[in-house]
């Protein structure tokens, strides 16, 4: 693809957002085998779009306050956006903020499509809710329409700050070398179960791209931070969590016409729960407020300038699917033969037995690998001036993001996870050896141990090419 840099026309930008809050009873996603029908709304969910145009070429960022978006619905959004607004499908980034207090936009997330051992009443175990999907796609396209139709001459300003008080590595290494993720309360008495140390780093960089009109109106803000949005989870309450609270704070500061669009980073092993703070209080609005305060400090330092380059790359790589241990697969088949229908963990009829879900997941990996031994993984790079945005599907560990940033030929480089398709976790090779929720073979951890290394290498090569 030929890079466009000649100043044939003014850079233009537009933004739009549309409410995608689900109705009562829609399944919230974010946990395994748990029935979570919507009961209340703490704060609304949005589909947000920001479009850029230069010399008749356009790129579009779409951010959805959903837990996951699958390939099927990314394809629908891209195809319709191309047909209606003339934006190349490779130039459209579709991102899920991954709030765990929202539905997923997709189907067959927790078990494979070929896994048919689910009665109709248990359709929610698959992770999606078909009653939510079609309308959400149309509302997303309406946000893109608003962004495309509002394109106007603009300038951008880009900068980063540091916010290291709100996100923490969530993999605690115990005395025996295994890994645990206890959750909100990590305090443990000294002994074999005590967490000796945290396995890896965080990424405290907070990124800001401000988009300003000629009349000095803030059209949009592209925001980047790295942390699981799990403050409100697991309540039966809809919330955009900290990404929504952050955006709300900035709209209050810069006007209701401004669309703050959050791109959540590679947070596969990052949570907002401080591991050693006994006084921690759960509050997504507090986190949004603190992020906004740091954002405003960055904004005060920025200088606006014209954009002379818009460019993009997409590459699809093949990553092998893990082999399921033969003994584990045999045990899974035996368990499912003994219990052909899902088992409830207790009398509440909300949580499916973990053993049943694990067996279903292992068989799903086997069925998937029988169909195709390799997973087709998309890596996307968008260039706006000297700023790079890298889209990585699934939940990569933050180490990947840090490697990409350090090797990138440009600064800043921002990585957005949960783009394009459902993949599951991409842990480091070392983390696979320790196990734990994100690394032990399961339907949400199904690629080979060196998958993350392959993704990082390809992303860096694409950045070198586009810059």
Protein backbone atom coordinates (compact mmCIF):
# COMPACT_ATOMS: atom_id res chain seq x y z
CA UNK A 1 0.00 0.00 0.00
CA UNK A 2 1.39 3.41 -0.98
CA UNK A 3 1.84 5.91 1.82
CA UNK A 4 0.06 9.23 1.28
CA UNK A 5 1.93 12.30 2.56
CA UNK A 6 1.51 15.01 -0.06
CA UNK A 7 -0.56 17.95 1.26
CA UNK A 8 -3.24 17.83 -1.43
CA UNK A 9 -6.02 18.70 1.03
CA UNK A 10 -6.74 19.51 4.63
CA UNK A 11 -6.88 16.80 7.25
CA UNK A 12 -10.46 16.38 8.46
CA UNK A 13 -11.96 14.63 11.46
CA UNK A 14 -15.42 13.72 12.75
CA UNK A 15 -16.88 11.83 15.68
CA UNK A 16 -20.11 10.23 16.84
CA UNK A 17 -21.52 8.09 19.60
CA UNK A 18 -24.74 6.12 20.01
CA UNK A 19 -26.22 4.39 23.05
CA UNK A 20 -25.95 0.57 22.99
CA UNK A 21 -27.21 -0.13 26.52
CA UNK A 22 -28.94 -3.56 26.60
CA UNK A 23 -32.50 -4.13 27.74
CA UNK A 24 -33.44 -6.10 30.84
CA UNK A 25 -32.67 -9.81 30.73
CA UNK A 26 -29.83 -9.67 28.18
CA UNK A 27 -26.88 -11.80 29.24
CA UNK A 28 -23.88 -9.91 30.61
CA UNK A 29 -20.54 -11.46 29.75
CA UNK A 30 -17.22 -11.55 31.61
CA UNK A 31 -17.35 -14.79 33.57
CA UNK A 32 -17.31 -18.50 32.74
CA UNK A 33 -20.59 -20.42 32.93
CA UNK A 34 -22.43 -17.82 34.98
CA UNK A 35 -26.00 -16.67 34.28
CA UNK A 36 -25.98 -12.86 34.49
CA UNK A 37 -29.18 -11.31 33.06
CA UNK A 38 -29.30 -7.51 33.13
CA UNK A 39 -31.24 -6.18 36.12
CA UNK A 40 -30.16 -2.53 36.45
CA UNK A 41 -28.10 0.13 34.68
CA UNK A 42 -25.38 1.99 36.59
CA UNK A 43 -24.25 3.93 33.53
CA UNK A 44 -24.94 3.60 29.79
CA UNK A 45 -22.90 1.81 27.14
CA UNK A 46 -21.88 3.49 23.89
CA UNK A 47 -20.64 2.73 20.42
CA UNK A 48 -18.14 5.47 19.55
CA UNK A 49 -16.54 6.28 16.22
CA UNK A 50 -13.83 8.72 15.19
CA UNK A 51 -13.09 9.14 11.47
CA UNK A 52 -10.06 10.80 9.90
CA UNK A 53 -9.70 11.84 6.25
CA UNK A 54 -6.75 13.06 4.22
CA UNK A 55 -6.62 13.31 0.42
CA UNK A 56 -9.79 11.20 0.02
CA UNK A 57 -8.39 8.40 2.21
CA UNK A 58 -10.14 7.62 5.48
CA UNK A 59 -9.48 5.61 8.60
CA UNK A 60 -11.98 4.92 11.34
CA UNK A 61 -11.68 3.96 15.01
CA UNK A 62 -14.69 2.18 16.50
CA UNK A 63 -14.78 1.52 20.24
CA UNK A 64 -17.61 -0.46 21.81
CA UNK A 65 -18.51 -0.70 25.49
CA UNK A 66 -18.86 -4.49 25.27
CA UNK A 67 -16.81 -7.34 26.70
CA UNK A 68 -15.81 -8.98 23.44
CA UNK A 69 -16.45 -8.57 19.72
CA UNK A 70 -16.14 -11.61 17.47
CA UNK A 71 -14.99 -11.88 13.86
CA UNK A 72 -18.54 -12.26 12.53
CA UNK A 73 -19.64 -8.88 13.84
CA UNK A 74 -16.39 -7.10 13.07
CA UNK A 75 -16.85 -8.26 9.48
CA UNK A 76 -20.43 -6.96 9.43
CA UNK A 77 -19.36 -3.55 10.76
CA UNK A 78 -16.43 -3.29 8.36
CA UNK A 79 -18.36 -4.42 5.29
CA UNK A 80 -21.25 -2.04 5.91
CA UNK A 81 -18.86 0.83 6.70
CA UNK A 82 -17.04 0.22 3.43
CA UNK A 83 -20.28 0.09 1.43
CA UNK A 84 -21.91 3.13 3.05
CA UNK A 85 -18.96 5.43 3.70
CA UNK A 86 -16.17 4.28 1.41
CA UNK A 87 -13.66 3.40 4.14
CA UNK A 88 -11.34 0.51 3.31
CA UNK A 89 -12.05 -2.46 5.65
CA UNK A 90 -8.37 -2.69 6.65
CA UNK A 91 -8.54 0.95 7.78
CA UNK A 92 -11.33 0.27 10.30
CA UNK A 93 -10.31 -0.70 13.84
CA UNK A 94 -13.13 -2.35 15.82
CA UNK A 95 -12.27 -2.45 19.51
CA UNK A 96 -14.08 -3.70 22.63
CA UNK A 97 -13.20 -1.88 25.84
CA UNK A 98 -13.81 -5.24 27.56
CA UNK A 99 -15.97 -3.98 30.39
CA UNK A 100 -17.16 -7.09 32.24
CA UNK A 101 -20.48 -5.40 33.00
CA UNK A 102 -21.77 -5.47 29.42
CA UNK A 103 -22.84 -8.09 26.89
CA UNK A 104 -20.52 -9.57 24.31
CA UNK A 105 -21.04 -8.79 20.65
CA UNK A 106 -20.74 -12.32 19.35
CA UNK A 107 -21.61 -15.98 19.74
CA UNK A 108 -19.76 -19.21 20.61
CA UNK A 109 -17.22 -17.49 22.85
CA UNK A 110 -16.92 -20.05 25.64
CA UNK A 111 -17.49 -23.23 23.61
CA UNK A 112 -16.87 -24.08 19.98
CA UNK A 113 -19.61 -23.85 17.36
CA UNK A 114 -19.27 -27.62 16.80
CA UNK A 115 -19.91 -28.33 20.49
CA UNK A 116 -23.59 -29.20 20.43
CA UNK A 117 -24.07 -30.60 23.94
CA UNK A 118 -26.13 -27.64 25.13
CA UNK A 119 -29.93 -27.59 25.52
CA UNK A 120 -31.68 -24.48 24.19
CA UNK A 121 -32.26 -23.15 27.71
CA UNK A 122 -28.48 -22.96 28.24
CA UNK A 123 -27.62 -20.90 25.16
CA UNK A 124 -26.12 -18.20 27.39
CA UNK A 125 -23.26 -20.56 28.32
CA UNK A 126 -21.80 -19.85 24.90
CA UNK A 127 -21.17 -16.29 26.09
CA UNK A 128 -23.21 -14.18 23.70
CA UNK A 129 -26.86 -13.15 23.47
CA UNK A 130 -28.35 -13.10 19.99
CA UNK A 131 -31.04 -10.74 21.24
CA UNK A 132 -28.39 -8.02 21.55
CA UNK A 133 -26.25 -8.39 18.46
CA UNK A 134 -28.15 -7.19 15.39
CA UNK A 135 -29.42 -3.94 16.89
CA UNK A 136 -25.97 -3.17 18.32
CA UNK A 137 -24.38 -3.51 14.87
CA UNK A 138 -26.87 -1.03 13.42
CA UNK A 139 -26.33 1.39 16.27
CA UNK A 140 -22.57 1.11 15.77
CA UNK A 141 -23.00 1.96 12.10
CA UNK A 142 -25.07 4.97 13.12
CA UNK A 143 -22.13 6.18 15.21
CA UNK A 144 -19.87 5.77 12.17
CA UNK A 145 -22.38 7.70 10.04
CA UNK A 146 -22.38 10.57 12.52
CA UNK A 147 -18.58 10.62 12.50
CA UNK A 148 -18.33 10.48 8.70
CA UNK A 149 -20.96 13.14 8.09
CA UNK A 150 -19.39 15.53 10.61
CA UNK A 151 -15.90 15.54 9.04
CA UNK A 152 -14.38 19.02 9.24
CA UNK A 153 -10.91 20.55 9.05
CA UNK A 154 -8.93 19.65 12.15
CA UNK A 155 -5.57 19.42 13.85
CA UNK A 156 -4.27 16.92 16.41
CA UNK A 157 -2.07 17.02 19.47
CA UNK A 158 -0.57 13.89 21.03
CA UNK A 159 1.09 13.22 24.36
CA UNK A 160 1.44 10.75 27.21
CA UNK A 161 1.45 10.84 30.98
CA UNK A 162 2.16 8.36 33.74
CA UNK A 163 -0.55 6.90 35.96
CA UNK A 164 0.78 4.00 38.02
CA UNK A 165 -1.64 4.04 40.96
CA UNK A 166 -4.65 2.34 39.37
CA UNK A 167 -3.56 -0.88 37.64
CA UNK A 168 -1.70 -3.92 38.95
CA UNK A 169 -0.30 -7.19 37.66
CA UNK A 170 -2.89 -9.77 38.66
CA UNK A 171 -0.78 -12.94 38.63
CA UNK A 172 0.54 -13.69 42.10
CA UNK A 173 3.28 -16.32 42.40
CA UNK A 174 2.95 -18.55 45.47
CA UNK A 175 5.57 -20.40 47.50
CA UNK A 176 5.40 -23.48 45.25
CA UNK A 177 5.81 -21.43 42.07
CA UNK A 178 2.21 -21.75 40.93
CA UNK A 179 0.05 -18.73 40.14
CA UNK A 180 -3.19 -17.50 41.68
CA UNK A 181 -5.55 -14.61 40.98
CA UNK A 182 -7.52 -14.26 44.22
CA UNK A 183 -9.31 -11.11 43.10
CA UNK A 184 -10.21 -8.09 45.16
CA UNK A 185 -8.89 -9.35 48.51
CA UNK A 186 -5.32 -10.60 48.20
CA UNK A 187 -4.44 -10.56 51.88
CA UNK A 188 -3.32 -14.02 52.99
CA UNK A 189 -1.58 -15.35 56.12
CA UNK A 190 2.04 -16.32 55.67
CA UNK A 191 2.39 -19.89 54.41
CA UNK A 192 2.28 -21.94 51.22
CA UNK A 193 -0.67 -20.01 49.79
CA UNK A 194 0.82 -16.58 50.41
CA UNK A 195 1.66 -14.58 47.30
CA UNK A 196 5.42 -14.12 47.31
CA UNK A 197 5.56 -11.70 44.38
CA UNK A 198 3.73 -10.49 41.29
CA UNK A 199 4.78 -12.26 38.13
CA UNK A 200 5.16 -9.33 35.78
CA UNK A 201 4.96 -5.60 35.06
CA UNK A 202 2.22 -3.11 34.34
CA UNK A 203 2.23 -0.34 31.73
CA UNK A 204 1.57 3.00 33.45
CA UNK A 205 1.55 5.06 30.23
CA UNK A 206 -1.63 7.07 29.67
CA UNK A 207 -1.98 8.19 26.06
CA UNK A 208 -3.96 11.15 24.72
CA UNK A 209 -4.66 12.25 21.15
CA UNK A 210 -6.75 15.42 21.05
CA UNK A 211 -8.58 16.31 17.85
CA UNK A 212 -9.47 20.02 17.54
CA UNK A 213 -11.52 21.92 14.97
CA UNK A 214 -10.57 25.27 13.44
CA UNK A 215 -13.02 26.88 15.86
CA UNK A 216 -11.05 25.35 18.78
CA UNK A 217 -13.84 22.89 19.57
CA UNK A 218 -12.66 19.50 20.82
CA UNK A 219 -14.01 17.02 18.26
CA UNK A 220 -12.68 13.88 19.90
CA UNK A 221 -10.05 12.45 22.21
CA UNK A 222 -8.41 9.07 21.58
CA UNK A 223 -7.45 7.77 25.01
CA UNK A 224 -5.21 4.86 25.93
CA UNK A 225 -4.71 3.05 29.23
CA UNK A 226 -4.18 -0.59 30.22
CA UNK A 227 -6.36 -2.35 32.77
CA UNK A 228 -9.23 -4.87 32.99
CA UNK A 229 -12.55 -3.00 33.50
CA UNK A 230 -13.87 -5.18 36.35
CA UNK A 231 -14.84 -2.73 39.09
CA UNK A 232 -18.61 -3.28 38.79
CA UNK A 233 -18.42 -6.98 37.83
CA UNK A 234 -19.93 -9.45 38.81
CA UNK A 235 -23.11 -7.55 39.71
CA UNK A 236 -26.12 -7.89 37.40
CA UNK A 237 -25.65 -4.23 36.56
CA UNK A 238 -24.74 -2.59 33.26
CA UNK A 239 -21.68 -0.32 33.36
CA UNK A 240 -18.99 0.92 31.00
CA UNK A 241 -16.71 0.72 34.06
CA UNK A 242 -13.59 2.92 34.20
CA UNK A 243 -13.44 3.58 30.41
CA UNK A 244 -16.95 5.04 30.58
CA UNK A 245 -16.23 7.01 33.75
CA UNK A 246 -13.03 8.41 32.21
CA UNK A 247 -14.90 9.46 29.07
CA UNK A 248 -17.71 11.05 31.11
CA UNK A 249 -15.23 13.17 33.07
CA UNK A 250 -13.62 14.47 29.88
CA UNK A 251 -16.93 15.23 28.16
CA UNK A 252 -17.82 17.28 31.20
CA UNK A 253 -14.56 19.20 30.82
CA UNK A 254 -14.48 19.61 27.01
CA UNK A 255 -18.14 19.72 26.01
CA UNK A 256 -20.87 17.25 25.17
CA UNK A 257 -19.96 17.39 21.46
CA UNK A 258 -16.54 15.90 22.27
CA UNK A 259 -16.33 12.11 21.88
CA UNK A 260 -13.66 10.61 24.18
CA UNK A 261 -12.94 7.19 22.68
CA UNK A 262 -11.04 4.75 24.91
CA UNK A 263 -8.65 2.14 23.50
CA UNK A 264 -7.85 -0.30 26.30
CA UNK A 265 -4.33 -1.73 26.15
CA UNK A 266 -2.96 -5.27 26.44
CA UNK A 267 -4.43 -6.00 29.87
CA UNK A 268 -4.58 -9.80 29.82
CA UNK A 269 -2.73 -9.91 33.16
CA UNK A 270 -3.65 -6.48 34.56
CA UNK A 271 -6.45 -5.72 37.05
CA UNK A 272 -7.44 -2.61 39.05
CA UNK A 273 -7.24 -4.39 42.41
CA UNK A 274 -4.13 -3.43 44.45
CA UNK A 275 -2.58 -6.63 45.80
CA UNK A 276 -1.40 -5.38 49.18
CA UNK A 277 -3.79 -2.56 50.10
CA UNK A 278 -6.20 -3.59 52.87
CA UNK A 279 -8.01 -0.25 52.61
CA UNK A 280 -8.83 -0.51 48.91
CA UNK A 281 -12.38 0.56 47.99
CA UNK A 282 -13.94 -0.57 44.69
CA UNK A 283 -14.98 2.48 42.61
CA UNK A 284 -14.89 2.75 38.81
CA UNK A 285 -15.86 6.42 38.97
CA UNK A 286 -12.89 7.19 41.21
CA UNK A 287 -10.60 5.53 38.67
CA UNK A 288 -12.19 7.53 35.85
CA UNK A 289 -11.69 10.73 37.80
CA UNK A 290 -8.01 10.03 38.47
CA UNK A 291 -7.40 9.13 34.82
CA UNK A 292 -9.10 12.37 33.79
CA UNK A 293 -6.93 14.40 36.16
CA UNK A 294 -3.78 12.94 34.64
CA UNK A 295 -5.23 13.46 31.15
CA UNK A 296 -5.77 17.17 31.80
CA UNK A 297 -2.16 17.54 32.92
CA UNK A 298 -1.10 16.04 29.58
CA UNK A 299 -3.51 18.24 27.58
CA UNK A 300 -2.03 21.38 29.14
CA UNK A 301 1.35 20.54 27.58
CA UNK A 302 0.16 19.78 24.04
CA UNK A 303 0.77 21.67 20.80
CA UNK A 304 -1.66 21.16 17.91
CA UNK A 305 -0.41 20.54 14.39
CA UNK A 306 -1.55 19.38 10.97
CA UNK A 307 -1.59 15.72 9.93
CA UNK A 308 0.22 14.90 6.69
CA UNK A 309 0.10 11.08 6.76
CA UNK A 310 -2.71 8.54 7.10
CA UNK A 311 -1.78 4.93 6.47
CA UNK A 312 -2.63 1.41 7.53
CA UNK A 313 -1.57 -2.22 7.36
CA UNK A 314 -3.32 -5.49 8.16
CA UNK A 315 -1.64 -8.88 8.27
CA UNK A 316 -3.11 -12.29 9.02
CA UNK A 317 -0.78 -14.86 10.52
CA UNK A 318 -1.35 -18.53 11.26
CA UNK A 319 -0.84 -19.62 14.87
CA UNK A 320 -1.13 -23.32 15.81
CA UNK A 321 -3.83 -24.34 18.25
CA UNK A 322 -2.63 -26.22 21.32
CA UNK A 323 -2.86 -29.98 21.53
CA UNK A 324 -5.14 -31.11 24.35
CA UNK A 325 -3.43 -33.67 26.56
CA UNK A 326 -4.88 -37.10 25.54
CA UNK A 327 -5.59 -38.06 29.15
CA UNK A 328 -7.32 -34.73 29.81
CA UNK A 329 -9.39 -35.13 26.63
CA UNK A 330 -10.42 -38.66 27.59
CA UNK A 331 -11.41 -37.48 31.06
CA UNK A 332 -13.41 -34.62 29.55
CA UNK A 333 -15.28 -36.98 27.22
CA UNK A 334 -16.04 -39.32 30.12
CA UNK A 335 -17.30 -36.49 32.33
CA UNK A 336 -19.58 -35.15 29.58
CA UNK A 337 -20.90 -38.65 28.89
CA UNK A 338 -21.77 -39.01 32.56
CA UNK A 339 -23.27 -35.51 32.73
CA UNK A 340 -24.61 -34.71 29.26
CA UNK A 341 -26.41 -31.60 30.52
CA UNK A 342 -24.71 -28.77 32.44
CA UNK A 343 -24.47 -29.15 36.20
CA UNK A 344 -25.35 -26.28 38.50
CA UNK A 345 -22.73 -25.55 41.12
CA UNK A 346 -25.37 -24.74 43.76
CA UNK A 347 -29.08 -24.12 44.23
CA UNK A 348 -29.04 -20.59 42.86
CA UNK A 349 -29.07 -21.76 39.23
CA UNK A 350 -26.55 -19.06 38.35
CA UNK A 351 -23.16 -20.82 38.17
CA UNK A 352 -22.40 -23.93 36.11
CA UNK A 353 -20.06 -26.45 37.70
CA UNK A 354 -16.45 -25.58 36.83
CA UNK A 355 -15.67 -29.21 35.99
CA UNK A 356 -18.43 -29.27 33.38
CA UNK A 357 -17.23 -26.01 31.82
CA UNK A 358 -13.62 -27.22 31.74
CA UNK A 359 -14.63 -30.48 30.06
CA UNK A 360 -16.73 -28.58 27.50
CA UNK A 361 -13.84 -26.22 26.84
CA UNK A 362 -11.25 -28.96 26.32
CA UNK A 363 -13.54 -30.80 23.93
CA UNK A 364 -14.18 -27.50 22.13
CA UNK A 365 -10.44 -26.99 21.55
CA UNK A 366 -10.22 -30.52 20.14
CA UNK A 367 -13.19 -29.92 17.83
CA UNK A 368 -11.70 -26.63 16.69
CA UNK A 369 -8.32 -28.20 15.93
CA UNK A 370 -9.96 -31.03 14.00
CA UNK A 371 -11.58 -28.43 11.77
CA UNK A 372 -8.40 -26.39 11.27
CA UNK A 373 -5.06 -26.86 13.00
CA UNK A 374 -4.11 -23.17 12.93
CA UNK A 375 -5.89 -20.05 14.08
CA UNK A 376 -5.92 -17.08 11.70
CA UNK A 377 -4.89 -14.05 13.76
CA UNK A 378 -5.19 -10.45 12.55
CA UNK A 379 -2.65 -7.73 13.37
CA UNK A 380 -3.60 -4.18 12.43
CA UNK A 381 -1.53 -1.01 12.39
CA UNK A 382 -3.03 2.45 11.83
CA UNK A 383 -0.82 5.50 11.36
CA UNK A 384 -2.00 9.04 12.11
CA UNK A 385 0.89 11.42 11.52
CA UNK A 386 3.75 10.10 13.64
CA UNK A 387 1.46 8.17 16.02
CA UNK A 388 0.93 4.42 15.66
CA UNK A 389 -2.05 2.40 16.84
CA UNK A 390 -1.62 -1.39 16.92
CA UNK A 391 -4.68 -3.61 17.11
CA UNK A 392 -4.22 -7.06 18.66
CA UNK A 393 -7.15 -9.49 19.05
CA UNK A 394 -7.70 -11.31 22.31
CA UNK A 395 -6.14 -10.58 25.67
CA UNK A 396 -2.36 -10.35 25.23
CA UNK A 397 -0.23 -10.00 28.33
CA UNK A 398 1.13 -6.51 28.92
CA UNK A 399 4.70 -7.71 28.27
CA UNK A 400 3.80 -7.84 24.56
CA UNK A 401 2.66 -4.23 24.55
CA UNK A 402 5.86 -3.12 26.26
CA UNK A 403 8.04 -5.03 23.78
CA UNK A 404 6.19 -3.49 20.83
CA UNK A 405 6.48 0.01 22.24
CA UNK A 406 10.18 -0.34 22.98
CA UNK A 407 10.96 -1.69 19.51
CA UNK A 408 8.65 0.67 17.59
CA UNK A 409 10.31 3.10 15.18
CA UNK A 410 7.92 5.86 16.29
CA UNK A 411 6.66 7.46 19.48
CA UNK A 412 4.02 7.27 20.69
CA UNK A 413 2.84 3.77 19.85
CA UNK A 414 -0.43 2.65 21.45
CA UNK A 415 -1.64 -0.96 21.53
CA UNK A 416 -5.35 -1.80 21.63
CA UNK A 417 -6.36 -5.32 22.67
CA UNK A 418 -9.72 -7.04 22.05
CA UNK A 419 -9.92 -5.99 18.40
CA UNK A 420 -11.44 -7.84 15.45
CA UNK A 421 -12.06 -11.33 16.86
CA UNK A 422 -12.28 -13.55 19.93
CA UNK A 423 -9.03 -15.34 20.66
CA UNK A 424 -8.72 -15.66 24.42
CA UNK A 425 -5.57 -14.99 26.40
CA UNK A 426 -2.10 -14.71 24.89
CA UNK A 427 0.23 -15.29 27.86
CA UNK A 428 4.00 -15.19 27.79
CA UNK A 429 5.79 -18.50 27.30
CA UNK A 430 7.06 -18.32 30.89
CA UNK A 431 3.53 -17.79 32.21
CA UNK A 432 2.31 -20.91 30.42
CA UNK A 433 4.81 -22.92 32.45
CA UNK A 434 3.31 -21.60 35.69
CA UNK A 435 -0.31 -22.12 34.70
CA UNK A 436 -3.15 -20.14 36.20
CA UNK A 437 -6.43 -18.87 34.79
CA UNK A 438 -4.90 -17.14 31.77
CA UNK A 439 -2.36 -19.83 30.86
CA UNK A 440 -3.69 -23.31 31.60
CA UNK A 441 -5.08 -24.97 28.47
CA UNK A 442 -8.72 -23.96 28.11
CA UNK A 443 -11.00 -22.53 25.44
CA UNK A 444 -9.86 -19.06 26.53
CA UNK A 445 -6.17 -20.10 26.41
CA UNK A 446 -5.93 -22.29 23.33
CA UNK A 447 -2.96 -21.14 21.26
CA UNK A 448 0.56 -22.58 21.45
CA UNK A 449 2.90 -21.26 24.18
CA UNK A 450 4.96 -19.10 21.79
CA UNK A 451 1.91 -17.43 20.21
CA UNK A 452 2.65 -14.08 21.87
CA UNK A 453 6.24 -14.08 20.59
CA UNK A 454 4.97 -14.59 17.04
CA UNK A 455 2.47 -11.74 17.37
CA UNK A 456 5.06 -9.33 18.77
CA UNK A 457 7.58 -10.08 16.02
CA UNK A 458 5.01 -9.53 13.27
CA UNK A 459 3.66 -6.33 14.82
CA UNK A 460 7.15 -4.84 15.07
CA UNK A 461 7.88 -5.76 11.45
CA UNK A 462 4.64 -4.04 10.35
CA UNK A 463 5.55 -0.89 12.28
CA UNK A 464 8.98 -0.86 10.66
CA UNK A 465 7.31 -1.12 7.25
CA UNK A 466 4.67 1.56 7.74
CA UNK A 467 7.16 4.03 9.21
